[in-house]
PDB file of N, CA and C in Angstrom:
ATOM      1  N   MET A   1       1.086  -1.382  -0.209  1.00  0.00           N
ATOM      2  CA  MET A   1      -0.079  -0.234  -0.014  1.00  0.00           C
ATOM      3  C   MET A   1       0.746   1.246   0.143  1.00  0.00           C
ATOM      4  N   SER A   2       0.543   2.343  -0.778  1.00  0.00           N
ATOM      5  CA  SER A   2       1.227   3.400  -0.853  1.00  0.00           C
ATOM      6  C   SER A   2       1.153   4.685   0.123  1.00  0.00           C
ATOM      7  N   ALA A   3       1.861   5.116   0.250  1.00  0.00           N
ATOM      8  CA  ALA A   3       1.438   6.487   1.591  1.00  0.00           C
ATOM      9  C   ALA A   3       0.586   7.405   1.013  1.00  0.00           C
ATOM     10  N   LYS A   4      -0.268   7.862   1.829  1.00  0.00           N
ATOM     11  CA  LYS A   4      -1.248   8.838   1.472  1.00  0.00           C
ATOM     12  C   LYS A   4      -0.642  10.043   1.499  1.00  0.00           C
ATOM     13  N   ILE A   5      -1.366  11.052   0.691  1.00  0.00           N
ATOM     14  CA  ILE A   5      -0.930  12.002   0.074  1.00  0.00           C
ATOM     15  C   ILE A   5      -1.232  13.012   1.225  1.00  0.00           C
ATOM     16  N   ARG A   6      -0.223  13.765   1.751  1.00  0.00           N
ATOM     17  CA  ARG A   6      -0.871  14.871   2.816  1.00  0.00           C
ATOM     18  C   ARG A   6      -1.312  16.130   2.212  1.00  0.00           C
ATOM     19  N   VAL A   7      -2.465  16.882   2.788  1.00  0.00           N
ATOM     20  CA  VAL A   7      -2.956  17.668   2.294  1.00  0.00           C
ATOM     21  C   VAL A   7      -3.201  18.798   3.502  1.00  0.00           C
ATOM     22  N   GLY A   8      -2.672  19.974   2.832  1.00  0.00           N
ATOM     23  CA  GLY A   8      -3.449  20.931   3.950  1.00  0.00           C
ATOM     24  C   GLY A   8      -4.492  21.793   2.827  1.00  0.00           C
ATOM     25  N   VAL A   9      -5.423  22.273   4.031  1.00  0.00           N
ATOM     26  CA  VAL A   9      -6.585  23.026   3.283  1.00  0.00           C
ATOM     27  C   VAL A   9      -6.559  24.385   3.718  1.00  0.00           C
ATOM     28  N   LEU A  10      -6.767  25.583   2.918  1.00  0.00           N
ATOM     29  CA  LEU A  10      -6.704  27.077   3.210  1.00  0.00           C
ATOM     30  C   LEU A  10      -7.836  27.325   3.012  1.00  0.00           C
ATOM     31  N   GLY A  11      -8.588  28.175   4.046  1.00  0.00           N
ATOM     32  CA  GLY A  11      -9.818  28.496   3.898  1.00  0.00           C
ATOM     33  C   GLY A  11     -11.022  27.067   4.619  1.00  0.00           C
ATOM     34  N   ALA A  12     -10.321  26.663   5.228  1.00  0.00           N
ATOM     35  CA  ALA A  12     -10.877  25.485   5.954  1.00  0.00           C
ATOM     36  C   ALA A  12     -12.326  25.846   6.541  1.00  0.00           C
ATOM     37  N   ARG A  13     -12.374  26.790   6.988  1.00  0.00           N
ATOM     38  CA  ARG A  13     -13.813  27.125   7.821  1.00  0.00           C
ATOM     39  C   ARG A  13     -14.854  27.892   7.079  1.00  0.00           C
ATOM     40  N   GLY A  14     -14.445  28.180   5.697  1.00  0.00           N
ATOM     41  CA  GLY A  14     -15.748  28.491   4.741  1.00  0.00           C
ATOM     42  C   GLY A  14     -16.388  27.522   3.917  1.00  0.00           C
ATOM     43  N   ARG A  15     -17.178  28.009   3.230  1.00  0.00           N
ATOM     44  CA  ARG A  15     -18.533  26.966   2.854  1.00  0.00           C
ATOM     45  C   ARG A  15     -17.341  25.754   1.911  1.00  0.00           C
ATOM     46  N   MET A  16     -16.804  26.322   1.007  1.00  0.00           N
ATOM     47  CA  MET A  16     -16.407  25.588  -0.103  1.00  0.00           C
ATOM     48  C   MET A  16     -14.611  24.858   0.641  1.00  0.00           C
ATOM     49  N   GLY A  17     -14.373  25.628   1.329  1.00  0.00           N
ATOM     50  CA  GLY A  17     -13.230  25.026   1.986  1.00  0.00           C
ATOM     51  C   GLY A  17     -13.392  23.626   2.789  1.00  0.00           C
ATOM     52  N   ALA A  18     -14.984  24.005   3.653  1.00  0.00           N
ATOM     53  CA  ALA A  18     -15.506  22.832   4.294  1.00  0.00           C
ATOM     54  C   ALA A  18     -15.641  21.768   3.875  1.00  0.00           C
ATOM     55  N   GLU A  19     -16.094  21.821   2.537  1.00  0.00           N
ATOM     56  CA  GLU A  19     -16.266  20.625   1.832  1.00  0.00           C
ATOM     57  C   GLU A  19     -15.154  20.074   1.296  1.00  0.00           C
ATOM     58  N   VAL A  20     -14.190  20.861   1.120  1.00  0.00           N
ATOM     59  CA  VAL A  20     -12.858  20.102   0.744  1.00  0.00           C
ATOM     60  C   VAL A  20     -12.287  19.395   1.951  1.00  0.00           C
ATOM     61  N   VAL A  21     -12.429  19.706   3.085  1.00  0.00           N
ATOM     62  CA  VAL A  21     -11.992  19.207   4.252  1.00  0.00           C
ATOM     63  C   VAL A  21     -12.639  17.927   4.245  1.00  0.00           C
ATOM     64  N   LYS A  22     -13.914  17.694   4.074  1.00  0.00           N
ATOM     65  CA  LYS A  22     -15.251  16.622   4.229  1.00  0.00           C
ATOM     66  C   LYS A  22     -14.383  15.482   3.228  1.00  0.00           C
ATOM     67  N   ALA A  23     -14.094  15.959   1.813  1.00  0.00           N
ATOM     68  CA  ALA A  23     -13.559  15.372   0.990  1.00  0.00           C
ATOM     69  C   ALA A  23     -12.417  14.510   1.032  1.00  0.00           C
ATOM     70  N   VAL A  24     -11.384  15.133   1.634  1.00  0.00           N
ATOM     71  CA  VAL A  24     -10.198  14.709   1.999  1.00  0.00           C
ATOM     72  C   VAL A  24     -10.155  13.757   3.165  1.00  0.00           C
ATOM     73  N   ASN A  25     -11.101  13.985   4.008  1.00  0.00           N
ATOM     74  CA  ASN A  25     -11.310  12.790   5.214  1.00  0.00           C
ATOM     75  C   ASN A  25     -11.770  11.682   4.155  1.00  0.00           C
ATOM     76  N   ASN A  26     -12.781  11.801   3.643  1.00  0.00           N
ATOM     77  CA  ASN A  26     -13.459  10.397   2.946  1.00  0.00           C
ATOM     78  C   ASN A  26     -12.565   9.734   2.050  1.00  0.00           C
ATOM     79  N   SER A  27     -11.339  10.172   1.653  1.00  0.00           N
ATOM     80  CA  SER A  27     -10.759   9.906   0.815  1.00  0.00           C
ATOM     81  C   SER A  27      -9.592   8.799   1.423  1.00  0.00           C
ATOM     82  N   THR A  28      -9.730   7.527   0.842  1.00  0.00           N
ATOM     83  CA  THR A  28      -8.512   6.639   1.312  1.00  0.00           C
ATOM     84  C   THR A  28      -6.952   6.787   0.805  1.00  0.00           C
ATOM     85  N   ASP A  29      -7.272   7.651  -0.060  1.00  0.00           N
ATOM     86  CA  ASP A  29      -5.594   7.851  -0.305  1.00  0.00           C
ATOM     87  C   ASP A  29      -4.799   9.522  -0.056  1.00  0.00           C
ATOM     88  N   LEU A  30      -5.830  10.380   0.884  1.00  0.00           N
ATOM     89  CA  LEU A  30      -5.514  11.601   1.000  1.00  0.00           C
ATOM     90  C   LEU A  30      -5.573  11.586   3.031  1.00  0.00           C
ATOM     91  N   GLU A  31      -4.475  12.302   3.483  1.00  0.00           N
ATOM     92  CA  GLU A  31      -4.477  12.144   4.572  1.00  0.00           C
ATOM     93  C   GLU A  31      -4.332  14.067   5.249  1.00  0.00           C
ATOM     94  N   LEU A  32      -5.434  14.533   5.868  1.00  0.00           N
ATOM     95  CA  LEU A  32      -5.661  15.874   6.089  1.00  0.00           C
ATOM     96  C   LEU A  32      -4.754  16.419   7.108  1.00  0.00           C
ATOM     97  N   VAL A  33      -3.876  16.970   6.920  1.00  0.00           N
ATOM     98  CA  VAL A  33      -2.739  17.428   7.828  1.00  0.00           C
ATOM     99  C   VAL A  33      -2.904  19.106   8.255  1.00  0.00           C
ATOM    100  N   ALA A  34      -3.443  19.825   7.868  1.00  0.00           N
ATOM    101  CA  ALA A  34      -3.816  21.145   8.213  1.00  0.00           C
ATOM    102  C   ALA A  34      -5.084  21.904   7.977  1.00  0.00           C
ATOM    103  N   GLU A  35      -5.952  22.142   8.946  1.00  0.00           N
ATOM    104  CA  GLU A  35      -7.363  23.014   8.367  1.00  0.00           C
ATOM    105  C   GLU A  35      -6.743  24.451   8.976  1.00  0.00           C
ATOM    106  N   LEU A  36      -6.654  25.450   7.436  1.00  0.00           N
ATOM    107  CA  LEU A  36      -6.373  26.534   8.277  1.00  0.00           C
ATOM    108  C   LEU A  36      -7.307  27.785   7.486  1.00  0.00           C
ATOM    109  N   ASP A  37      -7.372  28.884   8.298  1.00  0.00           N
ATOM    110  CA  ASP A  37      -8.245  29.654   8.183  1.00  0.00           C
ATOM    111  C   ASP A  37      -7.790  31.098   8.339  1.00  0.00           C
ATOM    112  N   LEU A  38      -8.495  32.023   8.146  1.00  0.00           N
ATOM    113  CA  LEU A  38      -7.770  33.256   8.612  1.00  0.00           C
ATOM    114  C   LEU A  38      -7.325  33.603  10.006  1.00  0.00           C
ATOM    115  N   GLY A  39      -6.041  34.056  10.231  1.00  0.00           N
ATOM    116  CA  GLY A  39      -5.372  34.014  11.603  1.00  0.00           C
ATOM    117  C   GLY A  39      -4.792  32.892  11.826  1.00  0.00           C
ATOM    118  N   ASP A  40      -4.901  31.865  11.100  1.00  0.00           N
ATOM    119  CA  ASP A  40      -3.631  30.671  11.363  1.00  0.00           C
ATOM    120  C   ASP A  40      -2.659  30.824  10.746  1.00  0.00           C
ATOM    121  N   SER A  41      -1.346  30.196  11.188  1.00  0.00           N
ATOM    122  CA  SER A  41      -0.118  30.400  10.818  1.00  0.00           C
ATOM    123  C   SER A  41       0.231  29.818   9.404  1.00  0.00           C
ATOM    124  N   LEU A  42       0.754  30.023   8.289  1.00  0.00           N
ATOM    125  CA  LEU A  42       1.028  28.951   7.502  1.00  0.00           C
ATOM    126  C   LEU A  42       2.156  28.189   7.500  1.00  0.00           C
ATOM    127  N   ASP A  43       2.717  28.712   8.418  1.00  0.00           N
ATOM    128  CA  ASP A  43       3.945  27.385   9.273  1.00  0.00           C
ATOM    129  C   ASP A  43       3.547  26.291   9.343  1.00  0.00           C
ATOM    130  N   GLN A  44       2.424  25.918   9.800  1.00  0.00           N
ATOM    131  CA  GLN A  44       1.631  24.696  10.193  1.00  0.00           C
ATOM    132  C   GLN A  44       1.634  23.583   8.830  1.00  0.00           C
ATOM    133  N   LEU A  45       1.885  24.728   7.596  1.00  0.00           N
ATOM    134  CA  LEU A  45       2.061  23.485   6.847  1.00  0.00           C
ATOM    135  C   LEU A  45       3.313  23.142   6.300  1.00  0.00           C
ATOM    136  N   LEU A  46       4.245  23.596   6.866  1.00  0.00           N
ATOM    137  CA  LEU A  46       5.729  23.393   7.079  1.00  0.00           C
ATOM    138  C   LEU A  46       5.704  22.128   8.002  1.00  0.00           C
ATOM    139  N   SER A  47       5.224  22.726   9.241  1.00  0.00           N
ATOM    140  CA  SER A  47       5.432  21.592  10.356  1.00  0.00           C
ATOM    141  C   SER A  47       4.440  20.077  10.452  1.00  0.00           C
ATOM    142  N   THR A  48       3.561  20.412   9.161  1.00  0.00           N
ATOM    143  CA  THR A  48       2.664  18.941   9.021  1.00  0.00           C
ATOM    144  C   THR A  48       3.388  18.625   7.852  1.00  0.00           C
ATOM    145  N   LYS A  49       4.154  19.095   7.381  1.00  0.00           N
ATOM    146  CA  LYS A  49       4.809  18.247   5.851  1.00  0.00           C
ATOM    147  C   LYS A  49       3.826  17.955   4.972  1.00  0.00           C
ATOM    148  N   ALA A  50       3.148  19.217   4.548  1.00  0.00           N
ATOM    149  CA  ALA A  50       2.092  19.239   3.468  1.00  0.00           C
ATOM    150  C   ALA A  50       2.272  18.920   2.423  1.00  0.00           C
ATOM    151  N   GLN A  51       1.972  18.050   1.489  1.00  0.00           N
ATOM    152  CA  GLN A  51       2.362  17.893  -0.050  1.00  0.00           C
ATOM    153  C   GLN A  51       1.452  18.607  -1.062  1.00  0.00           C
ATOM    154  N   VAL A  52       0.359  18.614  -0.502  1.00  0.00           N
ATOM    155  CA  VAL A  52      -0.603  19.693  -1.410  1.00  0.00           C
ATOM    156  C   VAL A  52      -0.904  20.301  -0.468  1.00  0.00           C
ATOM    157  N   VAL A  53      -1.568  21.553  -1.332  1.00  0.00           N
ATOM    158  CA  VAL A  53      -2.254  22.925  -0.446  1.00  0.00           C
ATOM    159  C   VAL A  53      -3.427  23.433  -1.309  1.00  0.00           C
ATOM    160  N   VAL A  54      -4.833  22.920  -0.784  1.00  0.00           N
ATOM    161  CA  VAL A  54      -6.039  23.496  -1.513  1.00  0.00           C
ATOM    162  C   VAL A  54      -6.558  24.821  -1.036  1.00  0.00           C
ATOM    163  N   ASP A  55      -6.368  25.994  -1.840  1.00  0.00           N
ATOM    164  CA  ASP A  55      -6.578  27.159  -1.091  1.00  0.00           C
ATOM    165  C   ASP A  55      -7.908  27.408  -1.723  1.00  0.00           C
ATOM    166  N   PHE A  56      -8.836  27.954  -0.733  1.00  0.00           N
ATOM    167  CA  PHE A  56     -10.373  28.161  -0.655  1.00  0.00           C
ATOM    168  C   PHE A  56     -10.372  29.628   0.187  1.00  0.00           C
ATOM    169  N   THR A  57      -9.352  30.533   0.055  1.00  0.00           N
ATOM    170  CA  THR A  57      -9.472  31.734   0.476  1.00  0.00           C
ATOM    171  C   THR A  57     -10.206  32.803  -0.148  1.00  0.00           C
ATOM    172  N   THR A  58      -9.590  33.779   0.293  1.00  0.00           N
ATOM    173  CA  THR A  58     -10.527  35.010  -0.504  1.00  0.00           C
ATOM    174  C   THR A  58      -9.569  35.381  -1.839  1.00  0.00           C
ATOM    175  N   PRO A  59      -9.609  36.573  -2.998  1.00  0.00           N
ATOM    176  CA  PRO A  59      -8.810  36.752  -3.874  1.00  0.00           C
ATOM    177  C   PRO A  59      -7.555  37.733  -3.267  1.00  0.00           C
ATOM    178  N   ASP A  60      -8.003  38.425  -2.094  1.00  0.00           N
ATOM    179  CA  ASP A  60      -6.840  38.969  -1.226  1.00  0.00           C
ATOM    180  C   ASP A  60      -5.862  38.302  -0.590  1.00  0.00           C
ATOM    181  N   SER A  61      -6.238  36.996  -0.396  1.00  0.00           N
ATOM    182  CA  SER A  61      -5.172  36.439   0.483  1.00  0.00           C
ATOM    183  C   SER A  61      -4.449  35.156  -0.242  1.00  0.00           C
ATOM    184  N   VAL A  62      -4.940  35.060  -1.494  1.00  0.00           N
ATOM    185  CA  VAL A  62      -4.328  34.073  -2.742  1.00  0.00           C
ATOM    186  C   VAL A  62      -2.870  34.178  -2.972  1.00  0.00           C
ATOM    187  N   MET A  63      -2.514  35.613  -2.825  1.00  0.00           N
ATOM    188  CA  MET A  63      -1.077  35.945  -3.688  1.00  0.00           C
ATOM    189  C   MET A  63       0.178  35.548  -2.572  1.00  0.00           C
ATOM    190  N   LYS A  64      -0.463  36.117  -1.044  1.00  0.00           N
ATOM    191  CA  LYS A  64       0.262  36.061  -0.350  1.00  0.00           C
ATOM    192  C   LYS A  64       0.591  34.402   0.043  1.00  0.00           C
ATOM    193  N   ASN A  65      -0.331  33.635   0.114  1.00  0.00           N
ATOM    194  CA  ASN A  65      -0.548  32.451   0.312  1.00  0.00           C
ATOM    195  C   ASN A  65       0.644  31.723  -0.761  1.00  0.00           C
ATOM    196  N   LEU A  66       0.323  32.029  -1.901  1.00  0.00           N
ATOM    197  CA  LEU A  66       1.314  31.577  -3.165  1.00  0.00           C
ATOM    198  C   LEU A  66       2.820  31.934  -2.604  1.00  0.00           C
ATOM    199  N   GLU A  67       3.104  33.089  -2.657  1.00  0.00           N
ATOM    200  CA  GLU A  67       4.292  33.460  -2.211  1.00  0.00           C
ATOM    201  C   GLU A  67       5.055  32.414  -0.883  1.00  0.00           C
ATOM    202  N   PHE A  68       4.119  32.103   0.197  1.00  0.00           N
ATOM    203  CA  PHE A  68       4.527  31.469   0.790  1.00  0.00           C
ATOM    204  C   PHE A  68       4.922  29.982   0.506  1.00  0.00           C
ATOM    205  N   LEU A  69       3.990  29.660  -0.230  1.00  0.00           N
ATOM    206  CA  LEU A  69       4.406  28.121  -0.759  1.00  0.00           C
ATOM    207  C   LEU A  69       5.303  28.293  -1.869  1.00  0.00           C
TER     208      LEU A  69
END
């Protein structure tokens, strides 16, 4: 069995972000390692070793998030 892909979700408490969190949790080959929202430190993505990040934040936040990633 192969290792699960480690996923972080930005905007996890919003409507769409919450759906992504559910989808990742229901997947057999993905592992949710970070659920972040406004005010949370992006450093958690590093400490949890997220391999993939799904961003469902606002347009104002996306560029800062991309620069960090």
